[in-house]
C-alpha atoms as a PDB file:
ATOM      1  CA  UNK A   1       0.136  -0.048  -0.104  1.00  0.00           C
ATOM      2  CA  UNK A   2       0.894   3.624  -0.466  1.00  0.00           C
ATOM      3  CA  UNK A   3       0.325   6.910   1.033  1.00  0.00           C
ATOM      4  CA  UNK A   4      -0.816  10.690   0.291  1.00  0.00           C
ATOM      5  CA  UNK A   5       1.771  13.060   1.016  1.00  0.00           C
ATOM      6  CA  UNK A   6       1.652  16.331   1.959  1.00  0.00           C
ATOM      7  CA  UNK A   7       5.553  16.959   1.337  1.00  0.00           C
ATOM      8  CA  UNK A   8       5.750  19.473  -2.337  1.00  0.00           C
ATOM      9  CA  UNK A   9       9.293  19.135  -2.470  1.00  0.00           C
ATOM     10  CA  UNK A  10      10.302  16.260  -4.745  1.00  0.00           C
ATOM     11  CA  UNK A  11      12.979  14.984  -7.228  1.00  0.00           C
ATOM     12  CA  UNK A  12      12.106  14.179 -10.720  1.00  0.00           C
ATOM     13  CA  UNK A  13      14.543  11.761 -12.627  1.00  0.00           C
ATOM     14  CA  UNK A  14      13.593  10.908 -16.415  1.00  0.00           C
ATOM     15  CA  UNK A  15      15.626   9.335 -18.947  1.00  0.00           C
ATOM     16  CA  UNK A  16      17.813  11.926 -19.479  1.00  0.00           C
ATOM     17  CA  UNK A  17      18.533  13.271 -16.390  1.00  0.00           C
ATOM     18  CA  UNK A  18      16.619  15.044 -13.103  1.00  0.00           C
ATOM     19  CA  UNK A  19      15.071  18.126 -12.212  1.00  0.00           C
ATOM     20  CA  UNK A  20      14.321  19.245  -8.567  1.00  0.00           C
ATOM     21  CA  UNK A  21      13.225  22.189  -6.621  1.00  0.00           C
ATOM     22  CA  UNK A  22      15.426  20.672  -3.667  1.00  0.00           C
ATOM     23  CA  UNK A  23      18.944  18.772  -4.978  1.00  0.00           C
ATOM     24  CA  UNK A  24      18.748  15.157  -4.009  1.00  0.00           C
ATOM     25  CA  UNK A  25      21.083  12.606  -4.651  1.00  0.00           C
ATOM     26  CA  UNK A  26      20.260   8.715  -4.020  1.00  0.00           C
ATOM     27  CA  UNK A  27      23.019   7.444  -2.599  1.00  0.00           C
ATOM     28  CA  UNK A  28      24.368   4.018  -4.292  1.00  0.00           C
ATOM     29  CA  UNK A  29      22.286   2.766  -6.792  1.00  0.00           C
ATOM     30  CA  UNK A  30      18.619   1.398  -7.827  1.00  0.00           C
ATOM     31  CA  UNK A  31      17.520  -1.048 -10.169  1.00  0.00           C
ATOM     32  CA  UNK A  32      13.737  -1.438 -10.959  1.00  0.00           C
ATOM     33  CA  UNK A  33      11.183  -2.548 -13.891  1.00  0.00           C
ATOM     34  CA  UNK A  34       9.940  -0.319 -16.276  1.00  0.00           C
ATOM     35  CA  UNK A  35       8.457  -0.101 -19.969  1.00  0.00           C
ATOM     36  CA  UNK A  36       9.392   3.594 -20.325  1.00  0.00           C
ATOM     37  CA  UNK A  37      11.733   2.712 -23.264  1.00  0.00           C
ATOM     38  CA  UNK A  38      10.503   3.358 -27.161  1.00  0.00           C
ATOM     39  CA  UNK A  39       8.563  -0.228 -27.804  1.00  0.00           C
ATOM     40  CA  UNK A  40       7.082   0.067 -24.318  1.00  0.00           C
ATOM     41  CA  UNK A  41       7.930  -3.617 -23.584  1.00  0.00           C
ATOM     42  CA  UNK A  42       8.917  -4.172 -19.634  1.00  0.00           C
ATOM     43  CA  UNK A  43      12.901  -3.987 -19.090  1.00  0.00           C
ATOM     44  CA  UNK A  44      15.322  -3.236 -16.323  1.00  0.00           C
ATOM     45  CA  UNK A  45      16.711   0.316 -15.670  1.00  0.00           C
ATOM     46  CA  UNK A  46      19.457   1.789 -13.389  1.00  0.00           C
ATOM     47  CA  UNK A  47      19.666   4.781 -11.622  1.00  0.00           C
ATOM     48  CA  UNK A  48      22.598   5.898 -10.649  1.00  0.00           C
ATOM     49  CA  UNK A  49      24.440   9.287 -10.330  1.00  0.00           C
ATOM     50  CA  UNK A  50      20.958  10.606 -11.287  1.00  0.00           C
ATOM     51  CA  UNK A  51      20.968   9.000 -14.652  1.00  0.00           C
ATOM     52  CA  UNK A  52      18.682   6.212 -15.547  1.00  0.00           C
ATOM     53  CA  UNK A  53      20.294   3.698 -18.016  1.00  0.00           C
ATOM     54  CA  UNK A  54      18.304   0.842 -19.921  1.00  0.00           C
ATOM     55  CA  UNK A  55      20.056  -2.722 -18.759  1.00  0.00           C
ATOM     56  CA  UNK A  56      17.862  -4.630 -20.945  1.00  0.00           C
ATOM     57  CA  UNK A  57      14.809  -6.991 -21.351  1.00  0.00           C
ATOM     58  CA  UNK A  58      15.082  -8.417 -17.775  1.00  0.00           C
ATOM     59  CA  UNK A  59      12.380  -8.189 -15.078  1.00  0.00           C
ATOM     60  CA  UNK A  60      11.847  -8.274 -11.523  1.00  0.00           C
ATOM     61  CA  UNK A  61      15.618  -7.232 -10.893  1.00  0.00           C
ATOM     62  CA  UNK A  62      17.454  -7.609  -7.766  1.00  0.00           C
ATOM     63  CA  UNK A  63      20.960  -5.811  -6.641  1.00  0.00           C
ATOM     64  CA  UNK A  64      23.478  -8.063  -4.937  1.00  0.00           C
ATOM     65  CA  UNK A  65      24.720  -7.378  -1.650  1.00  0.00           C
ATOM     66  CA  UNK A  66      27.868  -5.820  -3.003  1.00  0.00           C
ATOM     67  CA  UNK A  67      26.065  -3.971  -5.742  1.00  0.00           C
ATOM     68  CA  UNK A  68      28.022  -5.894  -8.685  1.00  0.00           C
ATOM     69  CA  UNK A  69      25.425  -8.357  -9.838  1.00  0.00           C
ATOM     70  CA  UNK A  70      21.808  -8.371 -10.444  1.00  0.00           C
ATOM     71  CA  UNK A  71      19.125 -11.237 -10.455  1.00  0.00           C
ATOM     72  CA  UNK A  72      16.125 -10.848 -12.453  1.00  0.00           C
ATOM     73  CA  UNK A  73      14.352 -13.009 -15.245  1.00  0.00           C
ATOM     74  CA  UNK A  74      14.375 -12.812 -19.146  1.00  0.00           C
ATOM     75  CA  UNK A  75      11.240 -10.997 -20.566  1.00  0.00           C
ATOM     76  CA  UNK A  76      10.697 -13.746 -23.271  1.00  0.00           C
ATOM     77  CA  UNK A  77      11.648 -16.997 -21.148  1.00  0.00           C
ATOM     78  CA  UNK A  78      11.134 -16.069 -17.567  1.00  0.00           C
ATOM     79  CA  UNK A  79      14.418 -17.794 -16.756  1.00  0.00           C
ATOM     80  CA  UNK A  80      16.337 -16.896 -13.734  1.00  0.00           C
ATOM     81  CA  UNK A  81      19.555 -15.175 -14.869  1.00  0.00           C
ATOM     82  CA  UNK A  82      22.560 -13.117 -13.144  1.00  0.00           C
ATOM     83  CA  UNK A  83      24.052 -10.447 -14.489  1.00  0.00           C
ATOM     84  CA  UNK A  84      26.448  -8.063 -14.156  1.00  0.00           C
ATOM     85  CA  UNK A  85      25.583  -4.118 -13.026  1.00  0.00           C
ATOM     86  CA  UNK A  86      25.487  -3.481 -16.559  1.00  0.00           C
ATOM     87  CA  UNK A  87      22.793  -6.272 -17.908  1.00  0.00           C
ATOM     88  CA  UNK A  88      25.417  -8.500 -19.145  1.00  0.00           C
ATOM     89  CA  UNK A  89      24.028 -12.032 -18.704  1.00  0.00           C
ATOM     90  CA  UNK A  90      26.920 -14.065 -17.017  1.00  0.00           C
ATOM     91  CA  UNK A  91      24.658 -17.463 -15.920  1.00  0.00           C
ATOM     92  CA  UNK A  92      21.259 -18.756 -16.685  1.00  0.00           C
ATOM     93  CA  UNK A  93      19.516 -21.180 -14.058  1.00  0.00           C
ATOM     94  CA  UNK A  94      16.124 -23.018 -14.568  1.00  0.00           C
ATOM     95  CA  UNK A  95      14.220 -23.991 -11.798  1.00  0.00           C
ATOM     96  CA  UNK A  96      10.622 -24.689 -13.332  1.00  0.00           C
ATOM     97  CA  UNK A  97       7.717 -23.789 -12.926  1.00  0.00           C
ATOM     98  CA  UNK A  98       7.015 -19.698 -12.597  1.00  0.00           C
ATOM     99  CA  UNK A  99       9.653 -18.145 -10.345  1.00  0.00           C
ATOM    100  CA  UNK A 100       8.400 -14.986  -8.425  1.00  0.00           C
ATOM    101  CA  UNK A 101      10.656 -11.883  -7.604  1.00  0.00           C
ATOM    102  CA  UNK A 102      14.110 -12.835  -6.655  1.00  0.00           C
ATOM    103  CA  UNK A 103      16.090 -11.951  -3.588  1.00  0.00           C
ATOM    104  CA  UNK A 104      19.654 -12.470  -2.377  1.00  0.00           C
ATOM    105  CA  UNK A 105      20.535 -13.740   0.713  1.00  0.00           C
ATOM    106  CA  UNK A 106      22.968 -11.738   2.981  1.00  0.00           C
ATOM    107  CA  UNK A 107      25.956 -13.494   1.971  1.00  0.00           C
ATOM    108  CA  UNK A 108      25.644 -13.092  -1.612  1.00  0.00           C
ATOM    109  CA  UNK A 109      25.776 -16.926  -2.294  1.00  0.00           C
ATOM    110  CA  UNK A 110      22.221 -18.024  -2.871  1.00  0.00           C
ATOM    111  CA  UNK A 111      18.842 -16.776  -4.175  1.00  0.00           C
ATOM    112  CA  UNK A 112      15.701 -17.247  -2.398  1.00  0.00           C
ATOM    113  CA  UNK A 113      12.428 -17.040  -4.940  1.00  0.00           C
ATOM    114  CA  UNK A 114       8.512 -18.037  -4.869  1.00  0.00           C
ATOM    115  CA  UNK A 115       8.501 -20.840  -7.104  1.00  0.00           C
ATOM    116  CA  UNK A 116       4.478 -20.835  -8.673  1.00  0.00           C
ATOM    117  CA  UNK A 117       4.485 -24.280  -9.968  1.00  0.00           C
ATOM    118  CA  UNK A 118       0.674 -24.542 -10.893  1.00  0.00           C
ATOM    119  CA  UNK A 119      -2.128 -22.782  -8.957  1.00  0.00           C
ATOM    120  CA  UNK A 120      -4.466 -25.491  -9.514  1.00  0.00           C
ATOM    121  CA  UNK A 121      -2.382 -28.833  -9.069  1.00  0.00           C
ATOM    122  CA  UNK A 122       0.581 -27.655  -6.815  1.00  0.00           C
ATOM    123  CA  UNK A 123       0.786 -24.580  -4.424  1.00  0.00           C
ATOM    124  CA  UNK A 124       3.807 -22.224  -4.563  1.00  0.00           C
ATOM    125  CA  UNK A 125       6.686 -22.945  -2.925  1.00  0.00           C
ATOM    126  CA  UNK A 126       9.640 -20.845  -1.252  1.00  0.00           C
ATOM    127  CA  UNK A 127      13.188 -22.448  -2.961  1.00  0.00           C
ATOM    128  CA  UNK A 128      16.408 -21.405  -2.124  1.00  0.00           C
ATOM    129  CA  UNK A 129      19.018 -21.529  -5.068  1.00  0.00           C
ATOM    130  CA  UNK A 130      22.754 -21.966  -4.505  1.00  0.00           C
ATOM    131  CA  UNK A 131      24.008 -19.518  -7.474  1.00  0.00           C
ATOM    132  CA  UNK A 132      27.704 -21.490  -7.834  1.00  0.00           C
ATOM    133  CA  UNK A 133      25.933 -24.945  -8.128  1.00  0.00           C
ATOM    134  CA  UNK A 134      22.345 -24.306  -9.063  1.00  0.00           C
ATOM    135  CA  UNK A 135      20.930 -26.775  -6.588  1.00  0.00           C
ATOM    136  CA  UNK A 136      17.774 -26.062  -5.230  1.00  0.00           C
ATOM    137  CA  UNK A 137      16.494 -26.331  -1.753  1.00  0.00           C
ATOM    138  CA  UNK A 138      12.882 -26.204  -0.827  1.00  0.00           C
ATOM    139  CA  UNK A 139      12.324 -24.160   2.320  1.00  0.00           C
ATOM    140  CA  UNK A 140       8.165 -24.216   2.576  1.00  0.00           C
ATOM    141  CA  UNK A 141       5.194 -25.160   0.278  1.00  0.00           C
ATOM    142  CA  UNK A 142       1.688 -24.050   0.544  1.00  0.00           C
ATOM    143  CA  UNK A 143      -1.227 -26.093  -0.696  1.00  0.00           C
ATOM    144  CA  UNK A 144      -2.928 -25.676  -3.721  1.00  0.00           C
ATOM    145  CA  UNK A 145      -5.064 -22.506  -4.149  1.00  0.00           C
ATOM    146  CA  UNK A 146      -3.154 -20.549  -1.595  1.00  0.00           C
ATOM    147  CA  UNK A 147      -0.474 -17.803  -2.283  1.00  0.00           C
ATOM    148  CA  UNK A 148       2.984 -17.143  -1.128  1.00  0.00           C
ATOM    149  CA  UNK A 149       3.085 -13.428  -1.696  1.00  0.00           C
ATOM    150  CA  UNK A 150       6.212 -11.453  -0.384  1.00  0.00           C
ATOM    151  CA  UNK A 151       9.458 -12.516   1.210  1.00  0.00           C
ATOM    152  CA  UNK A 152      12.362 -10.661   2.683  1.00  0.00           C
ATOM    153  CA  UNK A 153      15.607 -12.241   4.661  1.00  0.00           C
ATOM    154  CA  UNK A 154      16.463 -10.741   7.965  1.00  0.00           C
ATOM    155  CA  UNK A 155      19.617  -9.037   7.929  1.00  0.00           C
ATOM    156  CA  UNK A 156      21.716 -11.766  10.011  1.00  0.00           C
ATOM    157  CA  UNK A 157      20.553 -13.953   7.202  1.00  0.00           C
ATOM    158  CA  UNK A 158      18.762 -16.469  10.023  1.00  0.00           C
ATOM    159  CA  UNK A 159      15.287 -16.053   8.673  1.00  0.00           C
ATOM    160  CA  UNK A 160      12.725 -15.303   6.150  1.00  0.00           C
ATOM    161  CA  UNK A 161       9.667 -13.363   6.290  1.00  0.00           C
ATOM    162  CA  UNK A 162       6.746 -14.213   4.221  1.00  0.00           C
ATOM    163  CA  UNK A 163       3.002 -13.649   3.878  1.00  0.00           C
ATOM    164  CA  UNK A 164       0.346 -15.913   2.554  1.00  0.00           C
ATOM    165  CA  UNK A 165      -3.400 -16.220   1.891  1.00  0.00           C
ATOM    166  CA  UNK A 166      -6.124 -18.721   1.461  1.00  0.00           C
ATOM    167  CA  UNK A 167      -7.040 -17.281  -1.745  1.00  0.00           C
ATOM    168  CA  UNK A 168     -10.573 -17.427  -2.535  1.00  0.00           C
ATOM    169  CA  UNK A 169     -12.123 -19.794   0.130  1.00  0.00           C
ATOM    170  CA  UNK A 170     -13.148 -17.900   3.359  1.00  0.00           C
ATOM    171  CA  UNK A 171     -12.739 -20.935   5.542  1.00  0.00           C
ATOM    172  CA  UNK A 172      -9.322 -21.593   4.433  1.00  0.00           C
ATOM    173  CA  UNK A 173      -8.528 -17.943   4.455  1.00  0.00           C
ATOM    174  CA  UNK A 174      -9.339 -18.012   8.192  1.00  0.00           C
ATOM    175  CA  UNK A 175      -6.904 -20.694   8.539  1.00  0.00           C
ATOM    176  CA  UNK A 176      -3.975 -19.569   6.070  1.00  0.00           C
ATOM    177  CA  UNK A 177      -4.125 -15.574   5.977  1.00  0.00           C
ATOM    178  CA  UNK A 178      -1.114 -14.263   8.013  1.00  0.00           C
ATOM    179  CA  UNK A 179       2.522 -13.177   8.148  1.00  0.00           C
ATOM    180  CA  UNK A 180       4.901 -15.622   8.778  1.00  0.00           C
ATOM    181  CA  UNK A 181       8.533 -16.473   9.896  1.00  0.00           C
ATOM    182  CA  UNK A 182      10.872 -19.104   8.977  1.00  0.00           C
ATOM    183  CA  UNK A 183      14.100 -20.461   9.924  1.00  0.00           C
ATOM    184  CA  UNK A 184      16.505 -21.117   7.289  1.00  0.00           C
ATOM    185  CA  UNK A 185      18.554 -23.831   9.212  1.00  0.00           C
ATOM    186  CA  UNK A 186      15.651 -25.984  11.061  1.00  0.00           C
ATOM    187  CA  UNK A 187      12.768 -24.946   8.605  1.00  0.00           C
ATOM    188  CA  UNK A 188      10.592 -24.026  11.260  1.00  0.00           C
ATOM    189  CA  UNK A 189       7.624 -21.960  10.530  1.00  0.00           C
ATOM    190  CA  UNK A 190       5.559 -19.658  12.886  1.00  0.00           C
ATOM    191  CA  UNK A 191       2.473 -17.608  12.275  1.00  0.00           C
ATOM    192  CA  UNK A 192       3.261 -14.190  13.954  1.00  0.00           C
ATOM    193  CA  UNK A 193       0.145 -11.934  12.710  1.00  0.00           C
ATOM    194  CA  UNK A 194      -3.209 -13.769  11.772  1.00  0.00           C
ATOM    195  CA  UNK A 195      -4.422 -11.479   9.094  1.00  0.00           C
ATOM    196  CA  UNK A 196      -3.665 -10.422   5.683  1.00  0.00           C
ATOM    197  CA  UNK A 197      -0.355  -8.557   5.249  1.00  0.00           C
ATOM    198  CA  UNK A 198       0.741  -7.019   1.708  1.00  0.00           C
ATOM    199  CA  UNK A 199       4.564  -7.044   2.892  1.00  0.00           C
ATOM    200  CA  UNK A 200       7.017  -6.916   5.383  1.00  0.00           C
ATOM    201  CA  UNK A 201      10.332  -5.621   5.941  1.00  0.00           C
ATOM    202  CA  UNK A 202      13.285  -6.250   8.473  1.00  0.00           C
ATOM    203  CA  UNK A 203      14.782  -3.774  10.467  1.00  0.00           C
ATOM    204  CA  UNK A 204      18.712  -3.527  10.619  1.00  0.00           C
ATOM    205  CA  UNK A 205      18.808  -5.234  13.901  1.00  0.00           C
ATOM    206  CA  UNK A 206      17.248  -8.473  12.825  1.00  0.00           C
ATOM    207  CA  UNK A 207      14.620  -8.136  15.792  1.00  0.00           C
ATOM    208  CA  UNK A 208      11.835  -6.157  14.721  1.00  0.00           C
ATOM    209  CA  UNK A 209       9.513  -5.972  11.489  1.00  0.00           C
ATOM    210  CA  UNK A 210       7.568  -3.143   9.608  1.00  0.00           C
ATOM    211  CA  UNK A 211       4.842  -4.500   7.902  1.00  0.00           C
ATOM    212  CA  UNK A 212       1.486  -2.941   6.166  1.00  0.00           C
ATOM    213  CA  UNK A 213      -1.635  -4.805   6.550  1.00  0.00           C
ATOM    214  CA  UNK A 214      -5.275  -4.638   5.855  1.00  0.00           C
ATOM    215  CA  UNK A 215      -6.655  -5.286   9.256  1.00  0.00           C
ATOM    216  CA  UNK A 216      -5.157  -3.539  12.755  1.00  0.00           C
ATOM    217  CA  UNK A 217      -3.762  -4.617  15.589  1.00  0.00           C
ATOM    218  CA  UNK A 218      -7.310  -5.051  17.066  1.00  0.00           C
ATOM    219  CA  UNK A 219      -8.541  -7.205  14.309  1.00  0.00           C
ATOM    220  CA  UNK A 220     -10.597  -4.627  12.819  1.00  0.00           C
ATOM    221  CA  UNK A 221     -11.088  -4.650   9.288  1.00  0.00           C
ATOM    222  CA  UNK A 222      -9.211  -1.918   7.222  1.00  0.00           C
ATOM    223  CA  UNK A 223     -10.662  -1.599   3.860  1.00  0.00           C
ATOM    224  CA  UNK A 224      -8.691  -2.161   0.224  1.00  0.00           C
ATOM    225  CA  UNK A 225      -7.684   1.585   0.434  1.00  0.00           C
ATOM    226  CA  UNK A 226      -6.899   1.922   3.813  1.00  0.00           C
ATOM    227  CA  UNK A 227      -4.279   0.440   5.938  1.00  0.00           C
ATOM    228  CA  UNK A 228      -1.856   0.418   8.516  1.00  0.00           C
ATOM    229  CA  UNK A 229       2.162   0.269   8.530  1.00  0.00           C
ATOM    230  CA  UNK A 230       2.759  -1.747  11.917  1.00  0.00           C
ATOM    231  CA  UNK A 231       5.958  -2.505  13.686  1.00  0.00           C
ATOM    232  CA  UNK A 232       6.562  -5.865  15.785  1.00  0.00           C
ATOM    233  CA  UNK A 233       8.949  -7.124  17.962  1.00  0.00           C
ATOM    234  CA  UNK A 234       9.530 -10.430  17.075  1.00  0.00           C
ATOM    235  CA  UNK A 235      10.789 -11.976  20.024  1.00  0.00           C
ATOM    236  CA  UNK A 236       7.614 -10.527  22.171  1.00  0.00           C
ATOM    237  CA  UNK A 237       5.224 -10.223  19.466  1.00  0.00           C
ATOM    238  CA  UNK A 238       4.591  -6.763  20.696  1.00  0.00           C
ATOM    239  CA  UNK A 239       2.927  -4.630  17.822  1.00  0.00           C
ATOM    240  CA  UNK A 240       2.371  -1.181  17.337  1.00  0.00           C
ATOM    241  CA  UNK A 241       0.957   1.205  14.679  1.00  0.00           C
ATOM    242  CA  UNK A 242       3.453   3.418  13.155  1.00  0.00           C
ATOM    243  CA  UNK A 243       1.297   5.117  10.555  1.00  0.00           C
ATOM    244  CA  UNK A 244      -2.327   5.072   8.745  1.00  0.00           C
ATOM    245  CA  UNK A 245      -2.079   4.718   4.964  1.00  0.00           C
ATOM    246  CA  UNK A 246      -4.744   5.240   2.534  1.00  0.00           C
ATOM    247  CA  UNK A 247      -4.342   3.758  -1.045  1.00  0.00           C
ATOM    248  CA  UNK A 248      -2.612   0.574  -2.137  1.00  0.00           C
ATOM    249  CA  UNK A 249       0.774  -0.290  -3.702  1.00  0.00           C
ATOM    250  CA  UNK A 250       0.675  -4.014  -4.946  1.00  0.00           C
ATOM    251  CA  UNK A 251       4.324  -4.274  -5.742  1.00  0.00           C
ATOM    252  CA  UNK A 252       5.055  -3.979  -1.606  1.00  0.00           C
ATOM    253  CA  UNK A 253       7.200  -1.794   0.653  1.00  0.00           C
ATOM    254  CA  UNK A 254      10.448  -1.845   0.925  1.00  0.00           C
ATOM    255  CA  UNK A 255      13.285  -0.565   3.733  1.00  0.00           C
ATOM    256  CA  UNK A 256      16.438   0.658   2.669  1.00  0.00           C
ATOM    257  CA  UNK A 257      19.543  -1.169   4.214  1.00  0.00           C
ATOM    258  CA  UNK A 258      20.181   1.428   6.689  1.00  0.00           C
ATOM    259  CA  UNK A 259      16.632   1.543   7.988  1.00  0.00           C
ATOM    260  CA  UNK A 260      16.103   5.498   6.982  1.00  0.00           C
ATOM    261  CA  UNK A 261      14.087   5.256   4.055  1.00  0.00           C
ATOM    262  CA  UNK A 262      10.689   2.955   2.991  1.00  0.00           C
ATOM    263  CA  UNK A 263      10.356   2.734  -0.766  1.00  0.00           C
ATOM    264  CA  UNK A 264       8.009   1.459  -3.351  1.00  0.00           C
ATOM    265  CA  UNK A 265       6.113   1.656  -6.504  1.00  0.00           C
ATOM    266  CA  UNK A 266       3.650   4.587  -5.976  1.00  0.00           C
ATOM    267  CA  UNK A 267       0.290   4.528  -8.513  1.00  0.00           C
ATOM    268  CA  UNK A 268       0.069   8.060 -10.107  1.00  0.00           C
ATOM    269  CA  UNK A 269      -3.171   7.223 -12.164  1.00  0.00           C
ATOM    270  CA  UNK A 270      -3.703   6.667 -15.810  1.00  0.00           C
ATOM    271  CA  UNK A 271      -1.652   3.644 -15.892  1.00  0.00           C
ATOM    272  CA  UNK A 272       1.192   4.985 -14.399  1.00  0.00           C
ATOM    273  CA  UNK A 273       3.666   4.439 -11.499  1.00  0.00           C
ATOM    274  CA  UNK A 274       6.879   5.891 -10.268  1.00  0.00           C
ATOM    275  CA  UNK A 275       9.115   4.906  -7.426  1.00  0.00           C
ATOM    276  CA  UNK A 276       9.035   7.258  -4.155  1.00  0.00           C
ATOM    277  CA  UNK A 277      11.140   7.138  -0.903  1.00  0.00           C
ATOM    278  CA  UNK A 278       9.515   8.270   2.474  1.00  0.00           C
ATOM    279  CA  UNK A 279      11.751   8.782   5.677  1.00  0.00           C
ATOM    280  CA  UNK A 280      11.545   6.234   8.223  1.00  0.00           C
ATOM    281  CA  UNK A 281      10.460   8.862  10.814  1.00  0.00           C
ATOM    282  CA  UNK A 282       7.888  10.615   8.630  1.00  0.00           C
ATOM    283  CA  UNK A 283       6.710   8.438   5.948  1.00  0.00           C
ATOM    284  CA  UNK A 284       4.100  11.251   5.169  1.00  0.00           C
ATOM    285  CA  UNK A 285       7.081  13.189   3.299  1.00  0.00           C
ATOM    286  CA  UNK A 286       7.679  12.170  -0.083  1.00  0.00           C
ATOM    287  CA  UNK A 287      10.537  11.963  -2.337  1.00  0.00           C
ATOM    288  CA  UNK A 288       9.992  11.178  -6.187  1.00  0.00           C
ATOM    289  CA  UNK A 289      12.891   9.508  -7.120  1.00  0.00           C
ATOM    290  CA  UNK A 290      11.465   8.644 -10.908  1.00  0.00           C
ATOM    291  CA  UNK A 291       9.026  10.452 -13.382  1.00  0.00           C
ATOM    292  CA  UNK A 292       6.559   8.439 -15.531  1.00  0.00           C
ATOM    293  CA  UNK A 293       6.831   9.245 -19.046  1.00  0.00           C
ATOM    294  CA  UNK A 294       4.013   9.129 -21.935  1.00  0.00           C
ATOM    295  CA  UNK A 295       3.188   5.744 -23.444  1.00  0.00           C
ATOM    296  CA  UNK A 296       0.316   4.266 -25.843  1.00  0.00           C
ATOM    297  CA  UNK A 297      -1.434   3.439 -22.492  1.00  0.00           C
ATOM    298  CA  UNK A 298      -1.046   6.709 -20.627  1.00  0.00           C
ATOM    299  CA  UNK A 299       2.128   6.653 -18.801  1.00  0.00           C
ATOM    300  CA  UNK A 300       4.942   4.794 -18.070  1.00  0.00           C
ATOM    301  CA  UNK A 301       5.072   2.415 -14.861  1.00  0.00           C
ATOM    302  CA  UNK A 302       8.095   2.189 -12.465  1.00  0.00           C
ATOM    303  CA  UNK A 303       7.856  -0.750 -10.640  1.00  0.00           C
ATOM    304  CA  UNK A 304       9.860  -3.409  -8.756  1.00  0.00           C
ATOM    305  CA  UNK A 305      12.586  -1.263  -6.984  1.00  0.00           C
ATOM    306  CA  UNK A 306      15.708  -2.460  -5.489  1.00  0.00           C
ATOM    307  CA  UNK A 307      18.029  -0.193  -3.956  1.00  0.00           C
ATOM    308  CA  UNK A 308      21.847  -0.703  -3.237  1.00  0.00           C
ATOM    309  CA  UNK A 309      23.062   1.998  -0.610  1.00  0.00           C
ATOM    310  CA  UNK A 310      27.063   1.165  -1.020  1.00  0.00           C
ATOM    311  CA  UNK A 311      28.828  -0.687   1.277  1.00  0.00           C
END
């Protein structure tokens, strides 16, 4: 989900450079998926030093912990690939099924993805892929008809946070919907929040998570266009609300490695979306990182951002 923000100072970045009422330099580099090139097909772009560069026909990009490699999928075959940070493919890995968004482990040795193996026959599985050997380890599976929607790895590399939903069956949703923790070594899974959550983020201490949810701490329903950003201590399970939110960003919210900024793809209407940052201490303030450009559908969609801040 996203927010309505009152801050009028914004950074606008386009294909040829940037313009802003206040100078802002994004530390490090950011990759994202967009249809902003001339043929309007999705591809991967990199924002660095105030310039946006097209890297190729790759989708769902994720930067490695050292910022030198990108995990993504080919647009045509949906193969998982590892490229350098200029988009040159170095390795292809086939996992079968339809893989979801890739996520690097903190040591840069493995990638975690959701493998959609057939919604009606087999439920999705959370798998870990060793990059050097291409060996696949199944971490968790859910039953057919359920979803496994978002995952993040703790900074210490020990646990994975993911959300799951029971799909269209109301009774199954009562049982399945929620936010879960998975211990990577033991594969133990614990449900830590019993209501539908859109995405989750780890704070740098690996002891607290922030997540956006449809149902508040008291369990009362929150409508599709109004949610809450919550913080939880995963040891005590204590929850408090950070901020209200007022309209959805289905791509999920992410937190910068230093814990100072939220960032996400924000829907701007007319079929377009942009990448925005919000300070952790005041997420109602907004920094526009990209600017949508016109295309045949209305405006371009900048989505699935991943930000490397530097060592």
